Amino acid sequence: MGKFVITTDKSGQFRFNLKAGNGQTILSSEAYKTKASCNNGIESVQKNSQDDSKFERLTAKNGSPYFNLKATNGQVIGTSEMYSGNDAMENGIASVKKNAPDASVEDNS
């Protein structure tokens, strides 16, 4: 079962990672100034991850595919790792869809 892990970065801002059941990070957030905003970001991932149109499939400059998950307002709420190919990226999207809705939250901030 997946989980969201909240941490603080060097500047004291909050971030979360969505981890799959095997512990692999499948989605990383932007930095948030407050924990409340970070928690709102998690709720937004849980809600928007079920809508395939919210996944923006992209290609990095080095040719690696990756994706962003966007909120209803178009703001990016999470970014994936770089993948070796499109099939691997689609598997990552499927993992977010599967894990995000019922993921627990682990606060390590």
N, C-alpha and C. Protein backbone atom coordinates (compact mmCIF):
# COMPACT_ATOMS: atom_id res chain seq x y z
N MET A 1 0.84 -1.19 0.00
CA MET A 1 0.00 0.00 0.00
C MET A 1 0.88 1.25 0.00
N GLY A 2 0.48 2.23 -0.74
CA GLY A 2 1.27 3.45 -0.88
C GLY A 2 1.16 4.35 0.33
N LYS A 3 2.10 5.31 0.39
CA LYS A 3 2.04 6.30 1.46
C LYS A 3 2.67 7.60 0.99
N PHE A 4 2.17 8.69 1.55
CA PHE A 4 2.76 10.01 1.36
C PHE A 4 3.71 10.24 2.52
N VAL A 5 4.93 10.67 2.22
CA VAL A 5 5.91 10.97 3.26
C VAL A 5 6.22 12.47 3.20
N ILE A 6 5.93 13.17 4.30
CA ILE A 6 6.18 14.61 4.40
C ILE A 6 7.54 14.83 5.05
N THR A 7 8.35 15.69 4.43
CA THR A 7 9.66 16.04 4.97
C THR A 7 9.83 17.56 4.88
N THR A 8 10.86 18.06 5.54
CA THR A 8 11.23 19.47 5.37
C THR A 8 12.58 19.51 4.66
N ASP A 9 12.74 20.50 3.78
CA ASP A 9 14.00 20.64 3.06
C ASP A 9 14.93 21.59 3.83
N LYS A 10 16.09 21.85 3.27
CA LYS A 10 17.10 22.67 3.94
C LYS A 10 16.61 24.08 4.26
N SER A 11 15.68 24.59 3.46
CA SER A 11 15.17 25.94 3.68
C SER A 11 13.97 25.96 4.63
N GLY A 12 13.61 24.78 5.18
CA GLY A 12 12.50 24.72 6.13
C GLY A 12 11.14 24.59 5.50
N GLN A 13 11.10 24.38 4.18
CA GLN A 13 9.82 24.23 3.51
C GLN A 13 9.42 22.75 3.49
N PHE A 14 8.13 22.51 3.34
CA PHE A 14 7.58 21.16 3.39
C PHE A 14 7.45 20.59 1.98
N ARG A 15 7.73 19.30 1.87
CA ARG A 15 7.59 18.56 0.60
C ARG A 15 6.99 17.20 0.92
N PHE A 16 6.36 16.60 -0.09
CA PHE A 16 5.92 15.22 0.10
C PHE A 16 6.36 14.38 -1.09
N ASN A 17 6.55 13.11 -0.81
CA ASN A 17 6.77 12.10 -1.84
C ASN A 17 5.68 11.06 -1.69
N LEU A 18 5.13 10.63 -2.82
CA LEU A 18 4.22 9.49 -2.83
C LEU A 18 5.07 8.27 -3.12
N LYS A 19 5.04 7.31 -2.21
CA LYS A 19 5.82 6.09 -2.36
C LYS A 19 4.88 4.91 -2.59
N ALA A 20 5.28 4.04 -3.51
CA ALA A 20 4.52 2.83 -3.78
C ALA A 20 4.74 1.85 -2.63
N GLY A 21 4.01 0.75 -2.64
CA GLY A 21 4.13 -0.26 -1.60
C GLY A 21 5.54 -0.80 -1.42
N ASN A 22 6.33 -0.79 -2.51
CA ASN A 22 7.71 -1.29 -2.45
C ASN A 22 8.69 -0.22 -1.96
N GLY A 23 8.18 0.97 -1.61
CA GLY A 23 9.04 2.03 -1.09
C GLY A 23 9.61 2.96 -2.15
N GLN A 24 9.36 2.67 -3.42
CA GLN A 24 9.88 3.51 -4.50
C GLN A 24 9.07 4.80 -4.61
N THR A 25 9.75 5.93 -4.73
CA THR A 25 9.08 7.21 -4.91
C THR A 25 8.50 7.28 -6.32
N ILE A 26 7.21 7.56 -6.42
CA ILE A 26 6.55 7.64 -7.73
C ILE A 26 6.07 9.04 -8.07
N LEU A 27 6.06 9.94 -7.08
CA LEU A 27 5.64 11.32 -7.33
C LEU A 27 6.24 12.21 -6.24
N SER A 28 6.79 13.36 -6.64
CA SER A 28 7.39 14.30 -5.69
C SER A 28 6.73 15.66 -5.86
N SER A 29 6.53 16.34 -4.74
CA SER A 29 5.86 17.64 -4.76
C SER A 29 6.84 18.79 -4.90
N GLU A 30 6.26 19.95 -5.08
CA GLU A 30 6.99 21.21 -5.00
C GLU A 30 7.21 21.52 -3.52
N ALA A 31 7.86 22.61 -3.22
CA ALA A 31 8.04 23.06 -1.84
C ALA A 31 6.84 23.89 -1.40
N TYR A 32 6.40 23.65 -0.17
CA TYR A 32 5.29 24.40 0.42
C TYR A 32 5.81 25.14 1.64
N LYS A 33 5.31 26.36 1.86
CA LYS A 33 5.75 27.17 3.00
C LYS A 33 5.17 26.67 4.32
N THR A 34 3.97 26.08 4.26
CA THR A 34 3.34 25.60 5.49
C THR A 34 2.95 24.13 5.36
N LYS A 35 2.85 23.46 6.51
CA LYS A 35 2.44 22.06 6.51
C LYS A 35 0.99 21.93 6.02
N ALA A 36 0.16 22.92 6.35
CA ALA A 36 -1.24 22.89 5.90
C ALA A 36 -1.31 22.90 4.37
N SER A 37 -0.48 23.73 3.74
CA SER A 37 -0.44 23.77 2.27
C SER A 37 0.03 22.43 1.71
N CYS A 38 1.01 21.83 2.37
CA CYS A 38 1.52 20.53 1.95
C CYS A 38 0.41 19.47 2.03
N ASN A 39 -0.34 19.50 3.14
CA ASN A 39 -1.45 18.56 3.28
C ASN A 39 -2.53 18.79 2.23
N ASN A 40 -2.77 20.05 1.88
CA ASN A 40 -3.71 20.35 0.79
C ASN A 40 -3.21 19.78 -0.53
N GLY A 41 -1.88 19.83 -0.75
CA GLY A 41 -1.29 19.25 -1.95
C GLY A 41 -1.52 17.75 -2.01
N ILE A 42 -1.38 17.09 -0.87
CA ILE A 42 -1.63 15.64 -0.80
C ILE A 42 -3.08 15.33 -1.16
N GLU A 43 -4.01 16.10 -0.58
CA GLU A 43 -5.43 15.91 -0.88
C GLU A 43 -5.70 16.12 -2.37
N SER A 44 -5.03 17.10 -2.95
CA SER A 44 -5.20 17.38 -4.38
C SER A 44 -4.69 16.21 -5.23
N VAL A 45 -3.57 15.61 -4.83
CA VAL A 45 -3.07 14.43 -5.54
C VAL A 45 -4.08 13.29 -5.44
N GLN A 46 -4.60 13.07 -4.24
CA GLN A 46 -5.57 11.98 -4.06
C GLN A 46 -6.79 12.16 -4.96
N LYS A 47 -7.24 13.39 -5.09
CA LYS A 47 -8.42 13.69 -5.90
C LYS A 47 -8.10 13.63 -7.40
N ASN A 48 -7.05 14.32 -7.81
CA ASN A 48 -6.78 14.48 -9.25
C ASN A 48 -6.11 13.27 -9.89
N SER A 49 -5.56 12.37 -9.08
CA SER A 49 -4.86 11.21 -9.64
C SER A 49 -5.80 10.24 -10.34
N GLN A 50 -7.09 10.39 -10.13
CA GLN A 50 -8.04 9.48 -10.76
C GLN A 50 -8.52 9.97 -12.13
N ASP A 51 -8.05 11.13 -12.55
CA ASP A 51 -8.44 11.71 -13.83
C ASP A 51 -7.23 11.70 -14.76
N ASP A 52 -7.26 10.82 -15.76
CA ASP A 52 -6.10 10.67 -16.65
C ASP A 52 -5.73 11.97 -17.35
N SER A 53 -6.72 12.84 -17.58
CA SER A 53 -6.42 14.10 -18.28
C SER A 53 -5.57 15.04 -17.44
N LYS A 54 -5.44 14.76 -16.14
CA LYS A 54 -4.62 15.60 -15.25
C LYS A 54 -3.14 15.22 -15.31
N PHE A 55 -2.82 14.11 -15.99
CA PHE A 55 -1.43 13.70 -16.15
C PHE A 55 -0.87 14.30 -17.43
N GLU A 56 0.17 15.10 -17.29
CA GLU A 56 0.84 15.73 -18.42
C GLU A 56 2.10 14.90 -18.73
N ARG A 57 2.08 14.24 -19.88
CA ARG A 57 3.19 13.39 -20.28
C ARG A 57 4.21 14.23 -21.04
N LEU A 58 5.46 14.20 -20.56
CA LEU A 58 6.50 15.07 -21.09
C LEU A 58 7.77 14.29 -21.42
N THR A 59 8.67 14.95 -22.15
CA THR A 59 9.97 14.38 -22.45
C THR A 59 11.05 15.38 -22.04
N ALA A 60 12.00 14.92 -21.25
CA ALA A 60 13.11 15.77 -20.80
C ALA A 60 14.06 16.03 -21.97
N LYS A 61 14.97 17.00 -21.78
CA LYS A 61 15.94 17.34 -22.82
C LYS A 61 16.80 16.15 -23.23
N ASN A 62 17.03 15.23 -22.29
CA ASN A 62 17.86 14.06 -22.60
C ASN A 62 17.05 12.92 -23.23
N GLY A 63 15.75 13.17 -23.48
CA GLY A 63 14.91 12.19 -24.14
C GLY A 63 14.14 11.29 -23.20
N SER A 64 14.35 11.42 -21.89
CA SER A 64 13.66 10.57 -20.92
C SER A 64 12.23 11.05 -20.70
N PRO A 65 11.28 10.12 -20.77
CA PRO A 65 9.89 10.51 -20.48
C PRO A 65 9.67 10.67 -18.98
N TYR A 66 8.77 11.59 -18.63
CA TYR A 66 8.34 11.79 -17.24
C TYR A 66 6.97 12.42 -17.29
N PHE A 67 6.33 12.58 -16.13
CA PHE A 67 5.01 13.21 -16.11
C PHE A 67 4.86 14.16 -14.94
N ASN A 68 3.94 15.10 -15.13
CA ASN A 68 3.47 15.97 -14.07
C ASN A 68 2.01 15.64 -13.81
N LEU A 69 1.59 15.75 -12.56
CA LEU A 69 0.18 15.67 -12.21
C LEU A 69 -0.28 17.09 -11.91
N LYS A 70 -1.36 17.51 -12.57
CA LYS A 70 -1.83 18.88 -12.41
C LYS A 70 -3.16 18.91 -11.66
N ALA A 71 -3.36 19.98 -10.92
CA ALA A 71 -4.62 20.22 -10.22
C ALA A 71 -5.65 20.77 -11.21
N THR A 72 -6.87 20.92 -10.75
CA THR A 72 -7.94 21.45 -11.59
C THR A 72 -7.60 22.83 -12.13
N ASN A 73 -6.85 23.62 -11.35
CA ASN A 73 -6.49 24.98 -11.78
C ASN A 73 -5.28 24.99 -12.71
N GLY A 74 -4.74 23.81 -13.05
CA GLY A 74 -3.61 23.72 -13.98
C GLY A 74 -2.25 23.76 -13.32
N GLN A 75 -2.21 23.97 -12.00
CA GLN A 75 -0.94 24.02 -11.28
C GLN A 75 -0.38 22.61 -11.10
N VAL A 76 0.94 22.48 -11.28
CA VAL A 76 1.60 21.19 -11.09
C VAL A 76 1.63 20.87 -9.59
N ILE A 77 1.13 19.69 -9.22
CA ILE A 77 1.13 19.30 -7.81
C ILE A 77 2.11 18.15 -7.54
N GLY A 78 2.63 17.54 -8.59
CA GLY A 78 3.60 16.48 -8.42
C GLY A 78 4.31 16.17 -9.72
N THR A 79 5.56 15.75 -9.60
CA THR A 79 6.39 15.41 -10.75
C THR A 79 6.99 14.02 -10.51
N SER A 80 7.06 13.25 -11.57
CA SER A 80 7.63 11.91 -11.47
C SER A 80 9.14 11.93 -11.63
N GLU A 81 9.73 10.76 -11.48
CA GLU A 81 11.13 10.58 -11.82
C GLU A 81 11.25 10.50 -13.34
N MET A 82 12.47 10.43 -13.84
CA MET A 82 12.71 10.21 -15.27
C MET A 82 12.63 8.70 -15.52
N TYR A 83 12.00 8.33 -16.61
CA TYR A 83 11.83 6.92 -16.94
C TYR A 83 12.67 6.53 -18.16
N SER A 84 12.88 5.23 -18.29
CA SER A 84 13.70 4.70 -19.39
C SER A 84 12.93 4.67 -20.70
N GLY A 85 11.61 4.66 -20.62
CA GLY A 85 10.80 4.62 -21.84
C GLY A 85 9.35 4.93 -21.51
N ASN A 86 8.53 5.04 -22.57
CA ASN A 86 7.12 5.40 -22.38
C ASN A 86 6.35 4.35 -21.60
N ASP A 87 6.65 3.06 -21.83
CA ASP A 87 5.94 2.01 -21.09
C ASP A 87 6.20 2.14 -19.60
N ALA A 88 7.44 2.40 -19.23
CA ALA A 88 7.79 2.56 -17.82
C ALA A 88 7.07 3.78 -17.24
N MET A 89 6.99 4.86 -18.01
CA MET A 89 6.29 6.06 -17.55
C MET A 89 4.80 5.76 -17.33
N GLU A 90 4.18 5.04 -18.27
CA GLU A 90 2.76 4.70 -18.12
C GLU A 90 2.54 3.81 -16.90
N ASN A 91 3.50 2.94 -16.61
CA ASN A 91 3.42 2.12 -15.40
C ASN A 91 3.48 3.00 -14.16
N GLY A 92 4.31 4.07 -14.21
CA GLY A 92 4.39 5.02 -13.11
C GLY A 92 3.07 5.74 -12.89
N ILE A 93 2.44 6.16 -13.97
CA ILE A 93 1.13 6.82 -13.88
C ILE A 93 0.10 5.86 -13.28
N ALA A 94 0.11 4.61 -13.74
CA ALA A 94 -0.82 3.61 -13.20
C ALA A 94 -0.58 3.40 -11.71
N SER A 95 0.67 3.44 -11.29
CA SER A 95 1.01 3.27 -9.88
C SER A 95 0.49 4.44 -9.05
N VAL A 96 0.60 5.67 -9.57
CA VAL A 96 0.04 6.83 -8.86
C VAL A 96 -1.47 6.67 -8.73
N LYS A 97 -2.13 6.30 -9.82
CA LYS A 97 -3.59 6.12 -9.79
C LYS A 97 -4.00 5.07 -8.77
N LYS A 98 -3.21 4.01 -8.66
CA LYS A 98 -3.52 2.91 -7.75
C LYS A 98 -3.23 3.28 -6.29
N ASN A 99 -2.09 3.91 -6.04
CA ASN A 99 -1.63 4.14 -4.68
C ASN A 99 -2.15 5.41 -4.01
N ALA A 100 -2.36 6.48 -4.78
CA ALA A 100 -2.67 7.79 -4.17
C ALA A 100 -3.98 7.85 -3.39
N PRO A 101 -5.09 7.30 -3.91
CA PRO A 101 -6.37 7.55 -3.24
C PRO A 101 -6.43 7.10 -1.78
N ASP A 102 -5.84 5.96 -1.46
CA ASP A 102 -5.94 5.40 -0.11
C ASP A 102 -4.62 5.44 0.65
N ALA A 103 -3.65 6.18 0.13
CA ALA A 103 -2.33 6.21 0.77
C ALA A 103 -2.40 6.87 2.14
N SER A 104 -1.65 6.30 3.07
CA SER A 104 -1.54 6.90 4.40
C SER A 104 -0.56 8.06 4.32
N VAL A 105 -0.50 8.86 5.38
CA VAL A 105 0.43 9.99 5.43
C VAL A 105 1.38 9.78 6.60
N GLU A 106 2.67 9.81 6.30
CA GLU A 106 3.71 9.68 7.31
C GLU A 106 4.44 11.03 7.40
N ASP A 107 4.35 11.65 8.55
CA ASP A 107 4.92 12.99 8.73
C ASP A 107 6.32 12.88 9.35
N ASN A 108 7.34 13.11 8.54
CA ASN A 108 8.73 13.10 9.00
C ASN A 108 9.32 14.50 9.03
N SER A 109 8.47 15.52 9.07
CA SER A 109 8.95 16.90 9.02
C SER A 109 9.49 17.35 10.35
